[in-house]
mmCIF file of all heavy atoms, coordinates in Angstrom:
data_MODEL
# 
_entry.id   MODEL 
# 
loop_
_atom_site.group_PDB 
_atom_site.id 
_atom_site.type_symbol 
_atom_site.label_atom_id 
_atom_site.label_alt_id 
_atom_site.label_comp_id 
_atom_site.label_asym_id 
_atom_site.label_entity_id 
_atom_site.label_seq_id 
_atom_site.pdbx_PDB_ins_code 
_atom_site.Cartn_x 
_atom_site.Cartn_y 
_atom_site.Cartn_z 
_atom_site.occupancy 
_atom_site.B_iso_or_equiv 
_atom_site.pdbx_formal_charge 
_atom_site.auth_seq_id 
_atom_site.auth_comp_id 
_atom_site.auth_asym_id 
_atom_site.auth_atom_id 
_atom_site.pdbx_PDB_model_num 
ATOM 1   N N   . ALA A 1 1  ? 58.666 130.681 235.104 1.00 0.00 ? 1  ALA A N   1 
ATOM 2   C CA  . ALA A 1 1  ? 57.420 130.997 234.412 1.00 0.00 ? 1  ALA A CA  1 
ATOM 3   C C   . ALA A 1 1  ? 56.344 131.333 235.436 1.00 0.00 ? 1  ALA A C   1 
ATOM 4   O O   . ALA A 1 1  ? 56.372 130.838 236.555 1.00 0.00 ? 1  ALA A O   1 
ATOM 5   C CB  . ALA A 1 1  ? 56.994 129.797 233.567 1.00 0.00 ? 1  ALA A CB  1 
ATOM 6   N N   . PRO A 1 2  ? 55.397 132.203 235.068 1.00 0.00 ? 2  PRO A N   1 
ATOM 7   C CA  . PRO A 1 2  ? 54.328 132.520 236.012 1.00 0.00 ? 2  PRO A CA  1 
ATOM 8   C C   . PRO A 1 2  ? 53.521 131.266 236.350 1.00 0.00 ? 2  PRO A C   1 
ATOM 9   O O   . PRO A 1 2  ? 53.382 130.365 235.526 1.00 0.00 ? 2  PRO A O   1 
ATOM 10  C CB  . PRO A 1 2  ? 53.469 133.552 235.269 1.00 0.00 ? 2  PRO A CB  1 
ATOM 11  C CG  . PRO A 1 2  ? 53.860 133.461 233.840 1.00 0.00 ? 2  PRO A CG  1 
ATOM 12  C CD  . PRO A 1 2  ? 55.240 132.864 233.788 1.00 0.00 ? 2  PRO A CD  1 
ATOM 13  N N   . ALA A 1 3  ? 53.028 131.225 237.577 1.00 0.00 ? 3  ALA A N   1 
ATOM 14  C CA  . ALA A 1 3  ? 52.245 130.072 238.028 1.00 0.00 ? 3  ALA A CA  1 
ATOM 15  C C   . ALA A 1 3  ? 50.926 130.007 237.272 1.00 0.00 ? 3  ALA A C   1 
ATOM 16  O O   . ALA A 1 3  ? 50.304 131.027 236.986 1.00 0.00 ? 3  ALA A O   1 
ATOM 17  C CB  . ALA A 1 3  ? 51.989 130.171 239.529 1.00 0.00 ? 3  ALA A CB  1 
ATOM 18  N N   . LEU A 1 4  ? 50.517 128.805 236.959 1.00 0.00 ? 4  LEU A N   1 
ATOM 19  C CA  . LEU A 1 4  ? 49.197 128.571 236.388 1.00 0.00 ? 4  LEU A CA  1 
ATOM 20  C C   . LEU A 1 4  ? 48.210 128.440 237.534 1.00 0.00 ? 4  LEU A C   1 
ATOM 21  O O   . LEU A 1 4  ? 48.568 128.084 238.644 1.00 0.00 ? 4  LEU A O   1 
ATOM 22  C CB  . LEU A 1 4  ? 49.214 127.270 235.575 1.00 0.00 ? 4  LEU A CB  1 
ATOM 23  C CG  . LEU A 1 4  ? 50.244 127.190 234.452 1.00 0.00 ? 4  LEU A CG  1 
ATOM 24  C CD1 . LEU A 1 4  ? 50.321 125.768 233.919 1.00 0.00 ? 4  LEU A CD1 1 
ATOM 25  C CD2 . LEU A 1 4  ? 49.894 128.152 233.347 1.00 0.00 ? 4  LEU A CD2 1 
ATOM 26  N N   . THR A 1 5  ? 46.936 128.710 237.278 1.00 0.00 ? 5  THR A N   1 
ATOM 27  C CA  . THR A 1 5  ? 45.916 128.566 238.307 1.00 0.00 ? 5  THR A CA  1 
ATOM 28  C C   . THR A 1 5  ? 44.782 127.708 237.778 1.00 0.00 ? 5  THR A C   1 
ATOM 29  O O   . THR A 1 5  ? 44.253 127.969 236.699 1.00 0.00 ? 5  THR A O   1 
ATOM 30  C CB  . THR A 1 5  ? 45.362 129.942 238.747 1.00 0.00 ? 5  THR A CB  1 
ATOM 31  O OG1 . THR A 1 5  ? 46.439 130.738 239.212 1.00 0.00 ? 5  THR A OG1 1 
ATOM 32  C CG2 . THR A 1 5  ? 44.339 129.782 239.856 1.00 0.00 ? 5  THR A CG2 1 
ATOM 33  N N   . ALA A 1 6  ? 44.416 126.678 238.549 1.00 0.00 ? 6  ALA A N   1 
ATOM 34  C CA  . ALA A 1 6  ? 43.286 125.816 238.194 1.00 0.00 ? 6  ALA A CA  1 
ATOM 35  C C   . ALA A 1 6  ? 42.165 126.061 239.197 1.00 0.00 ? 6  ALA A C   1 
ATOM 36  O O   . ALA A 1 6  ? 42.394 126.111 240.397 1.00 0.00 ? 6  ALA A O   1 
ATOM 37  C CB  . ALA A 1 6  ? 43.693 124.348 238.218 1.00 0.00 ? 6  ALA A CB  1 
ATOM 38  N N   . ARG A 1 7  ? 40.950 126.219 238.691 1.00 0.00 ? 7  ARG A N   1 
ATOM 39  C CA  . ARG A 1 7  ? 39.813 126.501 239.557 1.00 0.00 ? 7  ARG A CA  1 
ATOM 40  C C   . ARG A 1 7  ? 38.693 125.457 239.435 1.00 0.00 ? 7  ARG A C   1 
ATOM 41  O O   . ARG A 1 7  ? 37.732 125.520 240.173 1.00 0.00 ? 7  ARG A O   1 
ATOM 42  C CB  . ARG A 1 7  ? 39.254 127.880 239.268 1.00 0.00 ? 7  ARG A CB  1 
ATOM 43  C CG  . ARG A 1 7  ? 40.248 128.983 239.546 1.00 0.00 ? 7  ARG A CG  1 
ATOM 44  C CD  . ARG A 1 7  ? 39.561 130.314 239.667 1.00 0.00 ? 7  ARG A CD  1 
ATOM 45  N NE  . ARG A 1 7  ? 40.512 131.394 239.845 1.00 0.00 ? 7  ARG A NE  1 
ATOM 46  C CZ  . ARG A 1 7  ? 41.018 131.758 241.013 1.00 0.00 ? 7  ARG A CZ  1 
ATOM 47  N NH1 . ARG A 1 7  ? 40.677 131.127 242.101 1.00 0.00 ? 7  ARG A NH1 1 
ATOM 48  N NH2 . ARG A 1 7  ? 41.868 132.751 241.090 1.00 0.00 ? 7  ARG A NH2 1 
ATOM 49  N N   . HIS A 1 8  ? 38.808 124.536 238.522 1.00 0.00 ? 8  HIS A N   1 
ATOM 50  C CA  . HIS A 1 8  ? 37.773 123.527 238.321 1.00 0.00 ? 8  HIS A CA  1 
ATOM 51  C C   . HIS A 1 8  ? 38.426 122.166 238.154 1.00 0.00 ? 8  HIS A C   1 
ATOM 52  O O   . HIS A 1 8  ? 39.562 122.053 237.717 1.00 0.00 ? 8  HIS A O   1 
ATOM 53  C CB  . HIS A 1 8  ? 36.923 123.843 237.083 1.00 0.00 ? 8  HIS A CB  1 
ATOM 54  C CG  . HIS A 1 8  ? 36.287 125.179 237.117 1.00 0.00 ? 8  HIS A CG  1 
ATOM 55  N ND1 . HIS A 1 8  ? 35.195 125.456 237.900 1.00 0.00 ? 8  HIS A ND1 1 
ATOM 56  C CD2 . HIS A 1 8  ? 36.597 126.328 236.489 1.00 0.00 ? 8  HIS A CD2 1 
ATOM 57  C CE1 . HIS A 1 8  ? 34.857 126.720 237.734 1.00 0.00 ? 8  HIS A CE1 1 
ATOM 58  N NE2 . HIS A 1 8  ? 35.694 127.275 236.882 1.00 0.00 ? 8  HIS A NE2 1 
ATOM 59  N N   . TYR A 1 9  ? 37.644 121.126 238.453 1.00 0.00 ? 9  TYR A N   1 
ATOM 60  C CA  . TYR A 1 9  ? 38.127 119.761 238.305 1.00 0.00 ? 9  TYR A CA  1 
ATOM 61  C C   . TYR A 1 9  ? 37.041 118.932 237.646 1.00 0.00 ? 9  TYR A C   1 
ATOM 62  O O   . TYR A 1 9  ? 35.868 119.049 237.983 1.00 0.00 ? 9  TYR A O   1 
ATOM 63  C CB  . TYR A 1 9  ? 38.474 119.157 239.676 1.00 0.00 ? 9  TYR A CB  1 
ATOM 64  C CG  . TYR A 1 9  ? 38.748 117.680 239.599 1.00 0.00 ? 9  TYR A CG  1 
ATOM 65  C CD1 . TYR A 1 9  ? 39.894 117.210 238.985 1.00 0.00 ? 9  TYR A CD1 1 
ATOM 66  C CD2 . TYR A 1 9  ? 37.848 116.763 240.099 1.00 0.00 ? 9  TYR A CD2 1 
ATOM 67  C CE1 . TYR A 1 9  ? 40.147 115.861 238.886 1.00 0.00 ? 9  TYR A CE1 1 
ATOM 68  C CE2 . TYR A 1 9  ? 38.087 115.406 240.006 1.00 0.00 ? 9  TYR A CE2 1 
ATOM 69  C CZ  . TYR A 1 9  ? 39.229 114.962 239.394 1.00 0.00 ? 9  TYR A CZ  1 
ATOM 70  O OH  . TYR A 1 9  ? 39.463 113.629 239.291 1.00 0.00 ? 9  TYR A OH  1 
ATOM 71  N N   . HIS A 1 10 ? 37.437 118.089 236.706 1.00 0.00 ? 10 HIS A N   1 
ATOM 72  C CA  . HIS A 1 10 ? 36.523 117.141 236.068 1.00 0.00 ? 10 HIS A CA  1 
ATOM 73  C C   . HIS A 1 10 ? 37.080 115.748 236.292 1.00 0.00 ? 10 HIS A C   1 
ATOM 74  O O   . HIS A 1 10 ? 38.267 115.501 236.096 1.00 0.00 ? 10 HIS A O   1 
ATOM 75  C CB  . HIS A 1 10 ? 36.398 117.402 234.562 1.00 0.00 ? 10 HIS A CB  1 
ATOM 76  C CG  . HIS A 1 10 ? 35.790 118.723 234.244 1.00 0.00 ? 10 HIS A CG  1 
ATOM 77  N ND1 . HIS A 1 10 ? 34.455 118.983 234.390 1.00 0.00 ? 10 HIS A ND1 1 
ATOM 78  C CD2 . HIS A 1 10 ? 36.355 119.879 233.832 1.00 0.00 ? 10 HIS A CD2 1 
ATOM 79  C CE1 . HIS A 1 10 ? 34.207 120.236 234.052 1.00 0.00 ? 10 HIS A CE1 1 
ATOM 80  N NE2 . HIS A 1 10 ? 35.349 120.809 233.704 1.00 0.00 ? 10 HIS A NE2 1 
ATOM 81  N N   . ASP A 1 11 ? 36.214 114.808 236.706 1.00 0.00 ? 11 ASP A N   1 
ATOM 82  C CA  . ASP A 1 11 ? 36.685 113.461 237.011 1.00 0.00 ? 11 ASP A CA  1 
ATOM 83  C C   . ASP A 1 11 ? 36.716 112.549 235.797 1.00 0.00 ? 11 ASP A C   1 
ATOM 84  O O   . ASP A 1 11 ? 36.796 111.351 235.923 1.00 0.00 ? 11 ASP A O   1 
ATOM 85  C CB  . ASP A 1 11 ? 35.864 112.842 238.147 1.00 0.00 ? 11 ASP A CB  1 
ATOM 86  C CG  . ASP A 1 11 ? 34.398 112.672 237.801 1.00 0.00 ? 11 ASP A CG  1 
ATOM 87  O OD1 . ASP A 1 11 ? 33.992 113.046 236.682 1.00 0.00 ? 11 ASP A OD1 1 
ATOM 88  O OD2 . ASP A 1 11 ? 33.659 112.171 238.660 1.00 0.00 ? 11 ASP A OD2 1 
ATOM 89  N N   . HIS A 1 12 ? 36.653 113.122 234.622 1.00 0.00 ? 12 HIS A N   1 
ATOM 90  C CA  . HIS A 1 12 ? 36.783 112.312 233.411 1.00 0.00 ? 12 HIS A CA  1 
ATOM 91  C C   . HIS A 1 12 ? 37.660 113.063 232.420 1.00 0.00 ? 12 HIS A C   1 
ATOM 92  O O   . HIS A 1 12 ? 37.660 114.289 232.383 1.00 0.00 ? 12 HIS A O   1 
ATOM 93  C CB  . HIS A 1 12 ? 35.409 112.027 232.797 1.00 0.00 ? 12 HIS A CB  1 
ATOM 94  C CG  . HIS A 1 12 ? 34.620 113.275 232.514 1.00 0.00 ? 12 HIS A CG  1 
ATOM 95  N ND1 . HIS A 1 12 ? 34.776 114.000 231.375 1.00 0.00 ? 12 HIS A ND1 1 
ATOM 96  C CD2 . HIS A 1 12 ? 33.706 113.932 233.264 1.00 0.00 ? 12 HIS A CD2 1 
ATOM 97  C CE1 . HIS A 1 12 ? 33.974 115.052 231.409 1.00 0.00 ? 12 HIS A CE1 1 
ATOM 98  N NE2 . HIS A 1 12 ? 33.326 115.044 232.540 1.00 0.00 ? 12 HIS A NE2 1 
ATOM 99  N N   . PRO A 1 13 ? 38.435 112.325 231.630 1.00 0.00 ? 13 PRO A N   1 
ATOM 100 C CA  . PRO A 1 13 ? 39.308 112.998 230.675 1.00 0.00 ? 13 PRO A CA  1 
ATOM 101 C C   . PRO A 1 13 ? 38.494 113.633 229.540 1.00 0.00 ? 13 PRO A C   1 
ATOM 102 O O   . PRO A 1 13 ? 37.444 113.128 229.164 1.00 0.00 ? 13 PRO A O   1 
ATOM 103 C CB  . PRO A 1 13 ? 40.200 111.873 230.153 1.00 0.00 ? 13 PRO A CB  1 
ATOM 104 C CG  . PRO A 1 13 ? 39.461 110.617 230.420 1.00 0.00 ? 13 PRO A CG  1 
ATOM 105 C CD  . PRO A 1 13 ? 38.580 110.881 231.622 1.00 0.00 ? 13 PRO A CD  1 
ATOM 106 N N   . HIS A 1 14 ? 38.990 114.732 229.040 1.00 0.00 ? 14 HIS A N   1 
ATOM 107 C CA  . HIS A 1 14 ? 38.372 115.408 227.911 1.00 0.00 ? 14 HIS A CA  1 
ATOM 108 C C   . HIS A 1 14 ? 39.150 115.086 226.647 1.00 0.00 ? 14 HIS A C   1 
ATOM 109 O O   . HIS A 1 14 ? 40.235 114.536 226.694 1.00 0.00 ? 14 HIS A O   1 
ATOM 110 C CB  . HIS A 1 14 ? 38.381 116.909 228.155 1.00 0.00 ? 14 HIS A CB  1 
ATOM 111 C CG  . HIS A 1 14 ? 37.390 117.312 229.197 1.00 0.00 ? 14 HIS A CG  1 
ATOM 112 N ND1 . HIS A 1 14 ? 36.717 118.479 229.145 1.00 0.00 ? 14 HIS A ND1 1 
ATOM 113 C CD2 . HIS A 1 14 ? 36.942 116.698 230.317 1.00 0.00 ? 14 HIS A CD2 1 
ATOM 114 C CE1 . HIS A 1 14 ? 35.908 118.586 230.170 1.00 0.00 ? 14 HIS A CE1 1 
ATOM 115 N NE2 . HIS A 1 14 ? 36.034 117.510 230.902 1.00 0.00 ? 14 HIS A NE2 1 
ATOM 116 N N   . LYS A 1 15 ? 38.604 115.470 225.507 1.00 0.00 ? 15 LYS A N   1 
ATOM 117 C CA  . LYS A 1 15 ? 39.244 115.207 224.229 1.00 0.00 ? 15 LYS A CA  1 
ATOM 118 C C   . LYS A 1 15 ? 40.498 116.038 223.980 1.00 0.00 ? 15 LYS A C   1 
ATOM 119 O O   . LYS A 1 15 ? 41.446 115.538 223.425 1.00 0.00 ? 15 LYS A O   1 
ATOM 120 C CB  . LYS A 1 15 ? 38.240 115.438 223.086 1.00 0.00 ? 15 LYS A CB  1 
ATOM 121 C CG  . LYS A 1 15 ? 37.050 114.512 223.121 1.00 0.00 ? 15 LYS A CG  1 
ATOM 122 C CD  . LYS A 1 15 ? 37.436 113.119 222.728 1.00 0.00 ? 15 LYS A CD  1 
ATOM 123 C CE  . LYS A 1 15 ? 36.183 112.258 222.656 1.00 0.00 ? 15 LYS A CE  1 
ATOM 124 N NZ  . LYS A 1 15 ? 36.445 110.867 222.800 1.00 0.00 ? 15 LYS A NZ  1 
ATOM 125 N N   . PRO A 1 16 ? 40.532 117.335 224.384 1.00 0.00 ? 16 PRO A N   1 
ATOM 126 C CA  . PRO A 1 16 ? 41.724 118.123 224.063 1.00 0.00 ? 16 PRO A CA  1 
ATOM 127 C C   . PRO A 1 16 ? 42.977 117.544 224.711 1.00 0.00 ? 16 PRO A C   1 
ATOM 128 O O   . PRO A 1 16 ? 42.923 116.965 225.783 1.00 0.00 ? 16 PRO A O   1 
ATOM 129 C CB  . PRO A 1 16 ? 41.424 119.501 224.658 1.00 0.00 ? 16 PRO A CB  1 
ATOM 130 C CG  . PRO A 1 16 ? 39.976 119.522 224.955 1.00 0.00 ? 16 PRO A CG  1 
ATOM 131 C CD  . PRO A 1 16 ? 39.542 118.098 225.120 1.00 0.00 ? 16 PRO A CD  1 
ATOM 132 N N   . GLU A 1 17 ? 44.098 117.733 224.034 1.00 0.00 ? 17 GLU A N   1 
ATOM 133 C CA  . GLU A 1 17 ? 45.380 117.308 224.593 1.00 0.00 ? 17 GLU A CA  1 
ATOM 134 C C   . GLU A 1 17 ? 45.682 118.200 225.797 1.00 0.00 ? 17 GLU A C   1 
ATOM 135 O O   . GLU A 1 17 ? 45.585 119.416 225.709 1.00 0.00 ? 17 GLU A O   1 
ATOM 136 C CB  . GLU A 1 17 ? 46.473 117.446 223.535 1.00 0.00 ? 17 GLU A CB  1 
ATOM 137 C CG  . GLU A 1 17 ? 47.805 116.876 223.927 1.00 0.00 ? 17 GLU A CG  1 
ATOM 138 C CD  . GLU A 1 17 ? 47.779 115.372 224.145 1.00 0.00 ? 17 GLU A CD  1 
ATOM 139 O OE1 . GLU A 1 17 ? 46.980 114.677 223.503 1.00 0.00 ? 17 GLU A OE1 1 
ATOM 140 O OE2 . GLU A 1 17 ? 48.584 114.900 224.974 1.00 0.00 ? 17 GLU A OE2 1 
ATOM 141 N N   . PRO A 1 18 ? 46.042 117.609 226.939 1.00 0.00 ? 18 PRO A N   1 
ATOM 142 C CA  . PRO A 1 18 ? 46.329 118.447 228.105 1.00 0.00 ? 18 PRO A CA  1 
ATOM 143 C C   . PRO A 1 18 ? 47.573 119.313 227.866 1.00 0.00 ? 18 PRO A C   1 
ATOM 144 O O   . PRO A 1 18 ? 48.477 118.916 227.138 1.00 0.00 ? 18 PRO A O   1 
ATOM 145 C CB  . PRO A 1 18 ? 46.571 117.429 229.222 1.00 0.00 ? 18 PRO A CB  1 
ATOM 146 C CG  . PRO A 1 18 ? 46.965 116.175 228.525 1.00 0.00 ? 18 PRO A CG  1 
ATOM 147 C CD  . PRO A 1 18 ? 46.254 116.187 227.202 1.00 0.00 ? 18 PRO A CD  1 
ATOM 148 N N   . VAL A 1 19 ? 47.597 120.484 228.505 1.00 0.00 ? 19 VAL A N   1 
ATOM 149 C CA  . VAL A 1 19 ? 48.755 121.363 228.382 1.00 0.00 ? 19 VAL A CA  1 
ATOM 150 C C   . VAL A 1 19 ? 49.825 121.003 229.395 1.00 0.00 ? 19 VAL A C   1 
ATOM 151 O O   . VAL A 1 19 ? 50.913 121.558 229.380 1.00 0.00 ? 19 VAL A O   1 
ATOM 152 C CB  . VAL A 1 19 ? 48.353 122.851 228.522 1.00 0.00 ? 19 VAL A CB  1 
ATOM 153 C CG1 . VAL A 1 19 ? 47.411 123.249 227.399 1.00 0.00 ? 19 VAL A CG1 1 
ATOM 154 C CG2 . VAL A 1 19 ? 47.740 123.137 229.879 1.00 0.00 ? 19 VAL A CG2 1 
ATOM 155 N N   . GLY A 1 20 ? 49.506 120.071 230.289 1.00 0.00 ? 20 GLY A N   1 
ATOM 156 C CA  . GLY A 1 20 ? 50.466 119.623 231.283 1.00 0.00 ? 20 GLY A CA  1 
ATOM 157 C C   . GLY A 1 20 ? 49.937 118.426 232.038 1.00 0.00 ? 20 GLY A C   1 
ATOM 158 O O   . GLY A 1 20 ? 48.775 118.039 231.891 1.00 0.00 ? 20 GLY A O   1 
ATOM 159 N N   . LYS A 1 21 ? 50.819 117.837 232.843 1.00 0.00 ? 21 LYS A N   1 
ATOM 160 C CA  . LYS A 1 21 ? 50.462 116.670 233.643 1.00 0.00 ? 21 LYS A CA  1 
ATOM 161 C C   . LYS A 1 21 ? 51.054 116.838 235.031 1.00 0.00 ? 21 LYS A C   1 
ATOM 162 O O   . LYS A 1 21 ? 52.114 117.452 235.196 1.00 0.00 ? 21 LYS A O   1 
ATOM 163 C CB  . LYS A 1 21 ? 50.998 115.382 233.021 1.00 0.00 ? 21 LYS A CB  1 
ATOM 164 C CG  . LYS A 1 21 ? 50.449 115.085 231.651 1.00 0.00 ? 21 LYS A CG  1 
ATOM 165 C CD  . LYS A 1 21 ? 51.103 113.865 231.048 1.00 0.00 ? 21 LYS A CD  1 
ATOM 166 C CE  . LYS A 1 21 ? 50.622 113.686 229.608 1.00 0.00 ? 21 LYS A CE  1 
ATOM 167 N NZ  . LYS A 1 21 ? 51.315 112.608 228.928 1.00 0.00 ? 21 LYS A NZ  1 
ATOM 168 N N   . VAL A 1 22 ? 50.375 116.254 236.024 1.00 0.00 ? 22 VAL A N   1 
ATOM 169 C CA  . VAL A 1 22 ? 50.895 116.240 237.377 1.00 0.00 ? 22 VAL A CA  1 
ATOM 170 C C   . VAL A 1 22 ? 50.695 114.840 237.942 1.00 0.00 ? 22 VAL A C   1 
ATOM 171 O O   . VAL A 1 22 ? 49.627 114.247 237.779 1.00 0.00 ? 22 VAL A O   1 
ATOM 172 C CB  . VAL A 1 22 ? 50.249 117.323 238.273 1.00 0.00 ? 22 VAL A CB  1 
ATOM 173 C CG1 . VAL A 1 22 ? 48.759 117.124 238.432 1.00 0.00 ? 22 VAL A CG1 1 
ATOM 174 C CG2 . VAL A 1 22 ? 50.941 117.401 239.627 1.00 0.00 ? 22 VAL A CG2 1 
ATOM 175 N N   . GLN A 1 23 ? 51.751 114.292 238.546 1.00 0.00 ? 23 GLN A N   1 
ATOM 176 C CA  . GLN A 1 23 ? 51.686 112.981 239.171 1.00 0.00 ? 23 GLN A CA  1 
ATOM 177 C C   . GLN A 1 23 ? 51.576 113.173 240.674 1.00 0.00 ? 23 GLN A C   1 
ATOM 178 O O   . GLN A 1 23 ? 52.425 113.843 241.275 1.00 0.00 ? 23 GLN A O   1 
ATOM 179 C CB  . GLN A 1 23 ? 52.923 112.162 238.830 1.00 0.00 ? 23 GLN A CB  1 
ATOM 180 C CG  . GLN A 1 23 ? 53.021 111.835 237.353 1.00 0.00 ? 23 GLN A CG  1 
ATOM 181 C CD  . GLN A 1 23 ? 54.171 110.905 237.067 1.00 0.00 ? 23 GLN A CD  1 
ATOM 182 O OE1 . GLN A 1 23 ? 54.400 109.947 237.796 1.00 0.00 ? 23 GLN A OE1 1 
ATOM 183 N NE2 . GLN A 1 23 ? 54.892 111.176 236.000 1.00 0.00 ? 23 GLN A NE2 1 
ATOM 184 N N   . LEU A 1 24 ? 50.535 112.588 241.265 1.00 0.00 ? 24 LEU A N   1 
ATOM 185 C CA  . LEU A 1 24 ? 50.281 112.736 242.690 1.00 0.00 ? 24 LEU A CA  1 
ATOM 186 C C   . LEU A 1 24 ? 49.983 111.384 243.304 1.00 0.00 ? 24 LEU A C   1 
ATOM 187 O O   . LEU A 1 24 ? 49.260 110.577 242.703 1.00 0.00 ? 24 LEU A O   1 
ATOM 188 C CB  . LEU A 1 24 ? 49.077 113.660 242.927 1.00 0.00 ? 24 LEU A CB  1 
ATOM 189 C CG  . LEU A 1 24 ? 49.177 115.072 242.352 1.00 0.00 ? 24 LEU A CG  1 
ATOM 190 C CD1 . LEU A 1 24 ? 47.823 115.761 242.414 1.00 0.00 ? 24 LEU A CD1 1 
ATOM 191 C CD2 . LEU A 1 24 ? 50.230 115.856 243.096 1.00 0.00 ? 24 LEU A CD2 1 
ATOM 192 N N   . ASP A 1 25 ? 50.512 111.141 244.515 1.00 0.00 ? 25 ASP A N   1 
ATOM 193 C CA  . ASP A 1 25 ? 50.148 109.908 245.204 1.00 0.00 ? 25 ASP A CA  1 
ATOM 194 C C   . ASP A 1 25 ? 48.714 110.039 245.737 1.00 0.00 ? 25 ASP A C   1 
ATOM 195 O O   . ASP A 1 25 ? 48.080 111.091 245.602 1.00 0.00 ? 25 ASP A O   1 
ATOM 196 C CB  . ASP A 1 25 ? 51.153 109.550 246.299 1.00 0.00 ? 25 ASP A CB  1 
ATOM 197 C CG  . ASP A 1 25 ? 51.193 110.537 247.453 1.00 0.00 ? 25 ASP A CG  1 
ATOM 198 O OD1 . ASP A 1 25 ? 50.255 111.336 247.638 1.00 0.00 ? 25 ASP A OD1 1 
ATOM 199 O OD2 . ASP A 1 25 ? 52.184 110.511 248.204 1.00 0.00 ? 25 ASP A OD2 1 
ATOM 200 N N   . TYR A 1 26 ? 48.215 108.979 246.324 1.00 0.00 ? 26 TYR A N   1 
ATOM 201 C CA  . TYR A 1 26 ? 46.819 108.924 246.776 1.00 0.00 ? 26 TYR A CA  1 
ATOM 202 C C   . TYR A 1 26 ? 46.482 110.065 247.721 1.00 0.00 ? 26 TYR A C   1 
ATOM 203 O O   . TYR A 1 26 ? 45.494 110.773 247.527 1.00 0.00 ? 26 TYR A O   1 
ATOM 204 C CB  . TYR A 1 26 ? 46.575 107.568 247.444 1.00 0.00 ? 26 TYR A CB  1 
ATOM 205 C CG  . TYR A 1 26 ? 45.211 107.423 248.060 1.00 0.00 ? 26 TYR A CG  1 
ATOM 206 C CD1 . TYR A 1 26 ? 44.078 107.305 247.268 1.00 0.00 ? 26 TYR A CD1 1 
ATOM 207 C CD2 . TYR A 1 26 ? 45.062 107.393 249.439 1.00 0.00 ? 26 TYR A CD2 1 
ATOM 208 C CE1 . TYR A 1 26 ? 42.826 107.165 247.834 1.00 0.00 ? 26 TYR A CE1 1 
ATOM 209 C CE2 . TYR A 1 26 ? 43.808 107.251 250.012 1.00 0.00 ? 26 TYR A CE2 1 
ATOM 210 C CZ  . TYR A 1 26 ? 42.693 107.139 249.209 1.00 0.00 ? 26 TYR A CZ  1 
ATOM 211 O OH  . TYR A 1 26 ? 41.459 107.007 249.780 1.00 0.00 ? 26 TYR A OH  1 
ATOM 212 N N   . GLU A 1 27 ? 47.287 110.277 248.750 1.00 0.00 ? 27 GLU A N   1 
ATOM 213 C CA  . GLU A 1 27 ? 46.990 111.330 249.734 1.00 0.00 ? 27 GLU A CA  1 
ATOM 214 C C   . GLU A 1 27 ? 47.060 112.717 249.101 1.00 0.00 ? 27 GLU A C   1 
ATOM 215 O O   . GLU A 1 27 ? 46.259 113.588 249.426 1.00 0.00 ? 27 GLU A O   1 
ATOM 216 C CB  . GLU A 1 27 ? 47.937 111.237 250.934 1.00 0.00 ? 27 GLU A CB  1 
ATOM 217 C CG  . GLU A 1 27 ? 47.753 109.981 251.762 1.00 0.00 ? 27 GLU A CG  1 
ATOM 218 C CD  . GLU A 1 27 ? 46.351 109.809 252.340 1.00 0.00 ? 27 GLU A CD  1 
ATOM 219 O OE1 . GLU A 1 27 ? 45.698 110.816 252.678 1.00 0.00 ? 27 GLU A OE1 1 
ATOM 220 O OE2 . GLU A 1 27 ? 45.899 108.656 252.447 1.00 0.00 ? 27 GLU A OE2 1 
ATOM 221 N N   . SER A 1 28 ? 47.993 112.925 248.185 1.00 0.00 ? 28 SER A N   1 
ATOM 222 C CA  . SER A 1 28 ? 48.150 114.234 247.540 1.00 0.00 ? 28 SER A CA  1 
ATOM 223 C C   . SER A 1 28 ? 47.023 114.548 246.564 1.00 0.00 ? 28 SER A C   1 
ATOM 224 O O   . SER A 1 28 ? 46.844 115.712 246.187 1.00 0.00 ? 28 SER A O   1 
ATOM 225 C CB  . SER A 1 28 ? 49.495 114.306 246.804 1.00 0.00 ? 28 SER A CB  1 
ATOM 226 O OG  . SER A 1 28 ? 50.558 114.159 247.711 1.00 0.00 ? 28 SER A OG  1 
# 
């Protein structure tokens, strides 16, 4: 599938259901 691109970050969850999830350790 074509790569998705994220350009913004919010430090709080929003109401919409996310379209995906990513698990990252502290350094990542």
